[in-house]
Amino acid sequence: MPTILGQNQYGKAENRVVRITRDGDTHHIKDLNVSVALSGDMDDVHYSGSNASVLPTDTTKNTVYAFAKEHGIESAEQFGIHLARHFVSSREPIRTARIRVEEYAWERIAASDGDSGATGGDDVRHSFVRKGQETRVAQVTYDGEKWEVVSGLKDLTLMNSTHSEFWGYAKDEYTTLKEAYDRILATDVSARWRYSWTGDDQRMPDWEESYGQARTHLLHAFAETYSLSLQQTLYQMGSRIIDSRSEIDEIRFSLPNKHHFLVDLEPFGLTNEHEVYFAADRPYGLIEATVLRDGVEPRIPVDLTNL
């Protein structure tokens, strides 16, 4: 039977770009990992090997670095928008551009109060330490008419040392888990949220403020929810974000349950009063769900592995 070509795309993945903005002696850092995927009228290169419609992936890499200079990096989302608009509008065979961005956060090292010797404390405005928390992510897709912006974070580790229970669950002949009325709840949050902004005729969100506020609402919901299950906590985090941020319509979570089990200290003549735990990294429960604004159709993929 004859074969036909299905969906296809190409581009340059994981272009690491660091942009330093110098405000006098004070420097600011944006550290990104940018992946470009382009699709459109690309049949010939697959069928005949003709590269006439192919913009080299090396060119897409160079564009990332040139745009970092020409446009700066205001936010991961805005940088992705600049790139996507350029690729779709400048090359006729390209119909859709998808830009994925990971942002690695840095924070300024505070000056010491003492005499630092060679450099005065007030002059330390260019030294940074990498934040050891989450990675910010964004995906911008543009087809020449409509935009889709999905932002979020991954590898944000959270823990409640109490105010968490798990009991009343279904049991069968293979159930050995004991019910817990005071347990540790810990997870590594992977979350993606989709914006309602889809066109240049709409007011564009403030990407930096929106990300910061969404993250804050997520943290507050985790801390303030008395949890009877990780599923309940997930829903509260998603609801808090959507209720508080009108520009966000949908959010999907993938939450591994980082189990902490009480250690049996009785063989040593000791009583473990919810003080000593064994942290198990695997196997782990994996809780995933989407929270939507009422009336909105889901668009974020169920599998976040490649998003």
Foldseek 3Di string as FASTA:
>chain_A
DDDDDDDDKDAAFFQWDWAWDDPDLAIDIWTKGKTKIWDFQDRCCVPPVDCPQPDDNVVLSVVLHVCCVVVNDPDPVVSQVVSFCCVCVPGPRTQKMKMKMKIWDKDFDQFDPDQPPPDGRVSRRPDIDTDPAKIKMWMWMDRPFWIKIKIWIWQGKDKDLWLEWEDPDDDDPPDDDDGGPTHMWMWIKTKIWIFPGIGPVDDDDPVVVLHVVLVVLLVVLLVPHSYHDVLVSVQSSQVSSVVVDVGTFKMKIKIWTFDWAQDDCVVVVDDCPSPDTDTDPDDTDIDIDMDGDPPDDDDDDRDPPPD
